[in-house]
C-alpha cells in the first residue's frame, strides 16, 4: 500500500475534522478491502441509527487525535 498519511498536522480545525473523516474512511477500506462487499453492506448500516452513531464516534476519536497532534490549534 502506498503511503498516503504523511502528517496529522493541519492548518485549521476544519481541515483537522476532514482528516478525521478521511482516517475513518480509510480504516473501513483497510478493514474491508472489497468495494463490492462494502457497497452490499452499506444499505444495512446506512439506515441503522446505532451504526451511524458508532461511525460518528470513530470520527470523533480520530478528531481528538488530530487535535492533540496540532496542539489544539493554539
PDB file of N, CA and C in Angstrom:
ATOM      1  N   UNK A   1       0.825  -1.178   0.000  1.00  0.00           N
ATOM      2  CA  UNK A   1       0.000   0.000   0.000  1.00  0.00           C
ATOM      3  C   UNK A   1       0.874   1.249   0.000  1.00  0.00           C
ATOM      4  N   UNK A   2       0.448   2.220  -0.734  1.00  0.00           N
ATOM      5  CA  UNK A   2       1.189   3.471  -0.826  1.00  0.00           C
ATOM      6  C   UNK A   2       0.986   4.293   0.444  1.00  0.00           C
ATOM      7  N   UNK A   3       2.030   5.001   0.839  1.00  0.00           N
ATOM      8  CA  UNK A   3       1.912   5.907   1.969  1.00  0.00           C
ATOM      9  C   UNK A   3       1.039   7.087   1.554  1.00  0.00           C
ATOM     10  N   UNK A   4       0.004   7.352   2.291  1.00  0.00           N
ATOM     11  CA  UNK A   4      -0.863   8.487   1.985  1.00  0.00           C
ATOM     12  C   UNK A   4      -0.957   9.443   3.164  1.00  0.00           C
ATOM     13  N   UNK A   5      -0.667   8.974   4.357  1.00  0.00           N
ATOM     14  CA  UNK A   5      -0.751   9.820   5.537  1.00  0.00           C
ATOM     15  C   UNK A   5       0.659  10.258   5.919  1.00  0.00           C
ATOM     16  N   UNK A   6       0.979  11.474   5.581  1.00  0.00           N
ATOM     17  CA  UNK A   6       2.331  11.957   5.841  1.00  0.00           C
ATOM     18  C   UNK A   6       2.409  12.804   7.102  1.00  0.00           C
ATOM     19  N   UNK A   7       1.274  13.292   7.591  1.00  0.00           N
ATOM     20  CA  UNK A   7       1.271  14.124   8.785  1.00  0.00           C
ATOM     21  C   UNK A   7      -0.140  14.247   9.329  1.00  0.00           C
ATOM     22  N   UNK A   8      -0.230  14.454  10.624  1.00  0.00           N
ATOM     23  CA  UNK A   8      -1.516  14.772  11.248  1.00  0.00           C
ATOM     24  C   UNK A   8      -1.688  16.283  11.406  1.00  0.00           C
ATOM     25  N   UNK A   9      -0.691  17.039  10.999  1.00  0.00           N
ATOM     26  CA  UNK A   9      -0.742  18.495  11.119  1.00  0.00           C
ATOM     27  C   UNK A   9      -1.708  19.079  10.096  1.00  0.00           C
ATOM     28  N   UNK A  10      -2.567  19.964  10.560  1.00  0.00           N
ATOM     29  CA  UNK A  10      -3.487  20.679   9.681  1.00  0.00           C
ATOM     30  C   UNK A  10      -3.476  22.155  10.062  1.00  0.00           C
ATOM     31  N   UNK A  11      -3.905  22.995   9.140  1.00  0.00           N
ATOM     32  CA  UNK A  11      -3.882  24.440   9.390  1.00  0.00           C
ATOM     33  C   UNK A  11      -5.040  24.895  10.274  1.00  0.00           C
ATOM     34  N   UNK A  12      -6.179  24.227  10.142  1.00  0.00           N
ATOM     35  CA  UNK A  12      -7.376  24.674  10.869  1.00  0.00           C
ATOM     36  C   UNK A  12      -8.107  23.474  11.471  1.00  0.00           C
ATOM     37  N   UNK A  13      -8.973  23.735  12.445  1.00  0.00           N
ATOM     38  CA  UNK A  13      -9.798  22.654  12.972  1.00  0.00           C
ATOM     39  C   UNK A  13     -10.689  22.009  11.892  1.00  0.00           C
ATOM     40  N   UNK A  14     -11.170  22.810  10.947  1.00  0.00           N
ATOM     41  CA  UNK A  14     -11.985  22.260   9.850  1.00  0.00           C
ATOM     42  C   UNK A  14     -11.189  21.231   9.052  1.00  0.00           C
ATOM     43  N   UNK A  15      -9.955  21.578   8.702  1.00  0.00           N
ATOM     44  CA  UNK A  15      -9.095  20.622   7.988  1.00  0.00           C
ATOM     45  C   UNK A  15      -8.828  19.398   8.863  1.00  0.00           C
ATOM     46  N   UNK A  16      -8.702  19.625  10.166  1.00  0.00           N
ATOM     47  CA  UNK A  16      -8.493  18.511  11.084  1.00  0.00           C
ATOM     48  C   UNK A  16      -9.680  17.570  11.112  1.00  0.00           C
ATOM     49  N   UNK A  17     -10.885  18.136  11.104  1.00  0.00           N
ATOM     50  CA  UNK A  17     -12.086  17.305  11.099  1.00  0.00           C
ATOM     51  C   UNK A  17     -12.197  16.524   9.800  1.00  0.00           C
ATOM     52  N   UNK A  18     -11.874  17.166   8.694  1.00  0.00           N
ATOM     53  CA  UNK A  18     -11.901  16.469   7.400  1.00  0.00           C
ATOM     54  C   UNK A  18     -10.864  15.351   7.365  1.00  0.00           C
ATOM     55  N   UNK A  19      -9.707  15.566   7.980  1.00  0.00           N
ATOM     56  CA  UNK A  19      -8.711  14.499   8.078  1.00  0.00           C
ATOM     57  C   UNK A  19      -9.251  13.354   8.932  1.00  0.00           C
ATOM     58  N   UNK A  20      -9.958  13.679  10.004  1.00  0.00           N
ATOM     59  CA  UNK A  20     -10.553  12.635  10.849  1.00  0.00           C
ATOM     60  C   UNK A  20     -11.537  11.783  10.056  1.00  0.00           C
ATOM     61  N   UNK A  21     -12.328  12.404   9.207  1.00  0.00           N
ATOM     62  CA  UNK A  21     -13.270  11.663   8.359  1.00  0.00           C
ATOM     63  C   UNK A  21     -12.501  10.773   7.388  1.00  0.00           C
ATOM     64  N   UNK A  22     -11.446  11.302   6.811  1.00  0.00           N
ATOM     65  CA  UNK A  22     -10.618  10.505   5.896  1.00  0.00           C
ATOM     66  C   UNK A  22     -10.013   9.308   6.620  1.00  0.00           C
ATOM     67  N   UNK A  23      -9.538   9.520   7.838  1.00  0.00           N
ATOM     68  CA  UNK A  23      -8.979   8.408   8.609  1.00  0.00           C
ATOM     69  C   UNK A  23     -10.026   7.325   8.842  1.00  0.00           C
ATOM     70  N   UNK A  24     -11.246   7.734   9.167  1.00  0.00           N
ATOM     71  CA  UNK A  24     -12.315   6.755   9.389  1.00  0.00           C
ATOM     72  C   UNK A  24     -12.625   5.987   8.107  1.00  0.00           C
ATOM     73  N   UNK A  25     -12.716   6.696   6.994  1.00  0.00           N
ATOM     74  CA  UNK A  25     -12.997   6.036   5.710  1.00  0.00           C
ATOM     75  C   UNK A  25     -11.884   5.079   5.314  1.00  0.00           C
ATOM     76  N   UNK A  26     -10.650   5.523   5.491  1.00  0.00           N
ATOM     77  CA  UNK A  26      -9.514   4.651   5.162  1.00  0.00           C
ATOM     78  C   UNK A  26      -9.516   3.417   6.049  1.00  0.00           C
ATOM     79  N   UNK A  27      -9.887   3.596   7.311  1.00  0.00           N
ATOM     80  CA  UNK A  27      -9.956   2.459   8.221  1.00  0.00           C
ATOM     81  C   UNK A  27     -10.940   1.402   7.739  1.00  0.00           C
ATOM     82  N   UNK A  28     -12.070   1.846   7.239  1.00  0.00           N
ATOM     83  CA  UNK A  28     -13.052   0.909   6.685  1.00  0.00           C
ATOM     84  C   UNK A  28     -12.478   0.206   5.467  1.00  0.00           C
ATOM     85  N   UNK A  29     -11.815   0.960   4.615  1.00  0.00           N
ATOM     86  CA  UNK A  29     -11.217   0.385   3.404  1.00  0.00           C
ATOM     87  C   UNK A  29     -10.146  -0.649   3.708  1.00  0.00           C
ATOM     88  N   UNK A  30      -9.357  -0.401   4.748  1.00  0.00           N
ATOM     89  CA  UNK A  30      -8.324  -1.362   5.136  1.00  0.00           C
ATOM     90  C   UNK A  30      -8.952  -2.599   5.780  1.00  0.00           C
ATOM     91  N   UNK A  31     -10.026  -2.365   6.561  1.00  0.00           N
ATOM     92  CA  UNK A  31     -10.685  -3.468   7.248  1.00  0.00           C
ATOM     93  C   UNK A  31     -11.444  -4.368   6.281  1.00  0.00           C
ATOM     94  N   UNK A  32     -12.131  -3.736   5.325  1.00  0.00           N
ATOM     95  CA  UNK A  32     -12.870  -4.498   4.309  1.00  0.00           C
ATOM     96  C   UNK A  32     -12.430  -3.991   2.938  1.00  0.00           C
ATOM     97  N   UNK A  33     -11.395  -4.603   2.366  1.00  0.00           N
ATOM     98  CA  UNK A  33     -10.843  -4.097   1.108  1.00  0.00           C
ATOM     99  C   UNK A  33     -11.747  -4.297  -0.119  1.00  0.00           C
ATOM    100  N   UNK A  34     -12.749  -5.149  -0.018  1.00  0.00           N
ATOM    101  CA  UNK A  34     -13.619  -5.397  -1.169  1.00  0.00           C
ATOM    102  C   UNK A  34     -14.666  -4.292  -1.308  1.00  0.00           C
ATOM    103  N   UNK A  35     -14.543  -3.513  -2.367  1.00  0.00           N
ATOM    104  CA  UNK A  35     -15.524  -2.457  -2.621  1.00  0.00           C
ATOM    105  C   UNK A  35     -16.920  -3.043  -2.841  1.00  0.00           C
ATOM    106  N   UNK A  36     -17.003  -4.184  -3.499  1.00  0.00           N
ATOM    107  CA  UNK A  36     -18.303  -4.810  -3.735  1.00  0.00           C
ATOM    108  C   UNK A  36     -18.995  -5.181  -2.428  1.00  0.00           C
ATOM    109  N   UNK A  37     -18.252  -5.722  -1.494  1.00  0.00           N
ATOM    110  CA  UNK A  37     -18.847  -6.084  -0.199  1.00  0.00           C
ATOM    111  C   UNK A  37     -19.262  -4.823   0.548  1.00  0.00           C
ATOM    112  N   UNK A  38     -18.425  -3.783   0.544  1.00  0.00           N
ATOM    113  CA  UNK A  38     -18.796  -2.530   1.217  1.00  0.00           C
ATOM    114  C   UNK A  38     -20.080  -1.963   0.627  1.00  0.00           C
ATOM    115  N   UNK A  39     -20.204  -1.986  -0.698  1.00  0.00           N
ATOM    116  CA  UNK A  39     -21.426  -1.475  -1.337  1.00  0.00           C
ATOM    117  C   UNK A  39     -22.641  -2.316  -0.966  1.00  0.00           C
ATOM    118  N   UNK A  40     -22.424  -3.624  -0.837  1.00  0.00           N
ATOM    119  CA  UNK A  40     -23.533  -4.517  -0.473  1.00  0.00           C
ATOM    120  C   UNK A  40     -23.987  -4.271   0.973  1.00  0.00           C
ATOM    121  N   UNK A  41     -23.059  -4.014   1.859  1.00  0.00           N
ATOM    122  CA  UNK A  41     -23.386  -3.829   3.272  1.00  0.00           C
ATOM    123  C   UNK A  41     -23.920  -2.432   3.595  1.00  0.00           C
ATOM    124  N   UNK A  42     -23.571  -1.460   2.779  1.00  0.00           N
ATOM    125  CA  UNK A  42     -23.911  -0.072   3.104  1.00  0.00           C
ATOM    126  C   UNK A  42     -25.402   0.165   3.348  1.00  0.00           C
ATOM    127  N   UNK A  43     -26.326  -0.375   2.543  1.00  0.00           N
ATOM    128  CA  UNK A  43     -27.745  -0.110   2.819  1.00  0.00           C
ATOM    129  C   UNK A  43     -28.183  -0.546   4.221  1.00  0.00           C
ATOM    130  N   UNK A  44     -27.569  -1.605   4.732  1.00  0.00           N
ATOM    131  CA  UNK A  44     -27.939  -2.072   6.074  1.00  0.00           C
ATOM    132  C   UNK A  44     -27.512  -1.073   7.140  1.00  0.00           C
ATOM    133  N   UNK A  45     -26.265  -0.646   7.122  1.00  0.00           N
ATOM    134  CA  UNK A  45     -25.817   0.237   8.186  1.00  0.00           C
ATOM    135  C   UNK A  45     -26.226   1.689   7.962  1.00  0.00           C
ATOM    136  N   UNK A  46     -26.518   2.068   6.738  1.00  0.00           N
ATOM    137  CA  UNK A  46     -26.900   3.448   6.456  1.00  0.00           C
ATOM    138  C   UNK A  46     -28.245   3.812   7.082  1.00  0.00           C
ATOM    139  N   UNK A  47     -29.055   2.817   7.377  1.00  0.00           N
ATOM    140  CA  UNK A  47     -30.370   3.052   7.975  1.00  0.00           C
ATOM    141  C   UNK A  47     -30.418   2.648   9.451  1.00  0.00           C
ATOM    142  N   UNK A  48     -29.276   2.273   9.985  1.00  0.00           N
ATOM    143  CA  UNK A  48     -29.221   1.814  11.366  1.00  0.00           C
ATOM    144  C   UNK A  48     -28.667   2.938  12.248  1.00  0.00           C
ATOM    145  N   UNK A  49     -29.491   3.492  13.136  1.00  0.00           N
ATOM    146  CA  UNK A  49     -29.027   4.598  13.969  1.00  0.00           C
ATOM    147  C   UNK A  49     -27.809   4.235  14.821  1.00  0.00           C
ATOM    148  N   UNK A  50     -27.741   3.011  15.301  1.00  0.00           N
ATOM    149  CA  UNK A  50     -26.594   2.603  16.111  1.00  0.00           C
ATOM    150  C   UNK A  50     -25.315   2.586  15.274  1.00  0.00           C
ATOM    151  N   UNK A  51     -25.409   2.135  14.043  1.00  0.00           N
ATOM    152  CA  UNK A  51     -24.238   2.126  13.161  1.00  0.00           C
ATOM    153  C   UNK A  51     -23.769   3.543  12.853  1.00  0.00           C
ATOM    154  N   UNK A  52     -24.711   4.432  12.624  1.00  0.00           N
ATOM    155  CA  UNK A  52     -24.360   5.819  12.322  1.00  0.00           C
ATOM    156  C   UNK A  52     -23.738   6.498  13.549  1.00  0.00           C
ATOM    157  N   UNK A  53     -24.269   6.181  14.725  1.00  0.00           N
ATOM    158  CA  UNK A  53     -23.690   6.721  15.953  1.00  0.00           C
ATOM    159  C   UNK A  53     -22.268   6.210  16.139  1.00  0.00           C
ATOM    160  N   UNK A  54     -22.038   4.945  15.884  1.00  0.00           N
ATOM    161  CA  UNK A  54     -20.694   4.382  16.012  1.00  0.00           C
ATOM    162  C   UNK A  54     -19.734   5.018  15.000  1.00  0.00           C
ATOM    163  N   UNK A  55     -20.215   5.264  13.791  1.00  0.00           N
ATOM    164  CA  UNK A  55     -19.365   5.920  12.788  1.00  0.00           C
ATOM    165  C   UNK A  55     -18.968   7.315  13.267  1.00  0.00           C
ATOM    166  N   UNK A  56     -19.919   8.043  13.836  1.00  0.00           N
ATOM    167  CA  UNK A  56     -19.619   9.371  14.373  1.00  0.00           C
ATOM    168  C   UNK A  56     -18.623   9.288  15.520  1.00  0.00           C
ATOM    169  N   UNK A  57     -18.746   8.257  16.319  1.00  0.00           N
ATOM    170  CA  UNK A  57     -17.834   8.073  17.447  1.00  0.00           C
ATOM    171  C   UNK A  57     -16.404   7.807  16.963  1.00  0.00           C
ATOM    172  N   UNK A  58     -16.266   7.017  15.908  1.00  0.00           N
ATOM    173  CA  UNK A  58     -14.943   6.752  15.342  1.00  0.00           C
ATOM    174  C   UNK A  58     -14.327   8.049  14.811  1.00  0.00           C
ATOM    175  N   UNK A  59     -15.127   8.841  14.117  1.00  0.00           N
ATOM    176  CA  UNK A  59     -14.634  10.123  13.603  1.00  0.00           C
ATOM    177  C   UNK A  59     -14.223  11.029  14.755  1.00  0.00           C
ATOM    178  N   UNK A  60     -15.018  11.068  15.811  1.00  0.00           N
ATOM    179  CA  UNK A  60     -14.692  11.899  16.970  1.00  0.00           C
ATOM    180  C   UNK A  60     -13.372  11.472  17.612  1.00  0.00           C
ATOM    181  N   UNK A  61     -13.150  10.189  17.697  1.00  0.00           N
ATOM    182  CA  UNK A  61     -11.894   9.685  18.262  1.00  0.00           C
ATOM    183  C   UNK A  61     -10.713  10.107  17.395  1.00  0.00           C
ATOM    184  N   UNK A  62     -10.865   9.984  16.092  1.00  0.00           N
ATOM    185  CA  UNK A  62      -9.799  10.426  15.186  1.00  0.00           C
ATOM    186  C   UNK A  62      -9.579  11.940  15.315  1.00  0.00           C
ATOM    187  N   UNK A  63     -10.664  12.692  15.461  1.00  0.00           N
ATOM    188  CA  UNK A  63     -10.533  14.142  15.589  1.00  0.00           C
ATOM    189  C   UNK A  63      -9.776  14.510  16.867  1.00  0.00           C
ATOM    190  N   UNK A  64     -10.023  13.785  17.941  1.00  0.00           N
ATOM    191  CA  UNK A  64      -9.276  14.025  19.183  1.00  0.00           C
ATOM    192  C   UNK A  64      -7.781  13.835  18.947  1.00  0.00           C
ATOM    193  N   UNK A  65      -7.433  12.789  18.217  1.00  0.00           N
ATOM    194  CA  UNK A  65      -6.023  12.515  17.921  1.00  0.00           C
ATOM    195  C   UNK A  65      -5.412  13.628  17.085  1.00  0.00           C
ATOM    196  N   UNK A  66      -6.126  14.049  16.044  1.00  0.00           N
ATOM    197  CA  UNK A  66      -5.618  15.109  15.172  1.00  0.00           C
ATOM    198  C   UNK A  66      -5.509  16.424  15.952  1.00  0.00           C
ATOM    199  N   UNK A  67      -6.501  16.725  16.767  1.00  0.00           N
ATOM    200  CA  UNK A  67      -6.464  17.957  17.561  1.00  0.00           C
ATOM    201  C   UNK A  67      -5.265  17.961  18.495  1.00  0.00           C
ATOM    202  N   UNK A  68      -5.003  16.847  19.138  1.00  0.00           N
ATOM    203  CA  UNK A  68      -3.843  16.769  20.041  1.00  0.00           C
ATOM    204  C   UNK A  68      -2.541  16.948  19.254  1.00  0.00           C
ATOM    205  N   UNK A  69      -2.462  16.360  18.076  1.00  0.00           N
ATOM    206  CA  UNK A  69      -1.265  16.495  17.257  1.00  0.00           C
ATOM    207  C   UNK A  69      -1.038  17.930  16.810  1.00  0.00           C
ATOM    208  N   UNK A  70      -2.079  18.714  16.784  1.00  0.00           N
ATOM    209  CA  UNK A  70      -1.985  20.112  16.371  1.00  0.00           C
ATOM    210  C   UNK A  70      -2.018  21.063  17.564  1.00  0.00           C
ATOM    211  N   UNK A  71      -1.747  20.518  18.739  1.00  0.00           N
ATOM    212  CA  UNK A  71      -1.758  21.321  19.963  1.00  0.00           C
ATOM    213  C   UNK A  71      -3.062  22.110  20.071  1.00  0.00           C
ATOM    214  N   UNK A  72      -4.137  21.480  19.641  1.00  0.00           N
ATOM    215  CA  UNK A  72      -5.484  22.082  19.703  1.00  0.00           C
ATOM    216  C   UNK A  72      -5.541  23.440  19.006  1.00  0.00           C
ATOM    217  N   UNK A  73      -4.727  23.634  17.990  1.00  0.00           N
ATOM    218  CA  UNK A  73      -4.672  24.821  17.131  1.00  0.00           C
ATOM    219  C   UNK A  73      -4.449  26.107  17.942  1.00  0.00           C
ATOM    220  N   UNK A  74      -3.620  26.004  18.953  1.00  0.00           N
ATOM    221  CA  UNK A  74      -3.291  27.210  19.755  1.00  0.00           C
ATOM    222  C   UNK A  74      -2.262  28.051  19.060  1.00  0.00           C
TER     223      UNK A  74
END
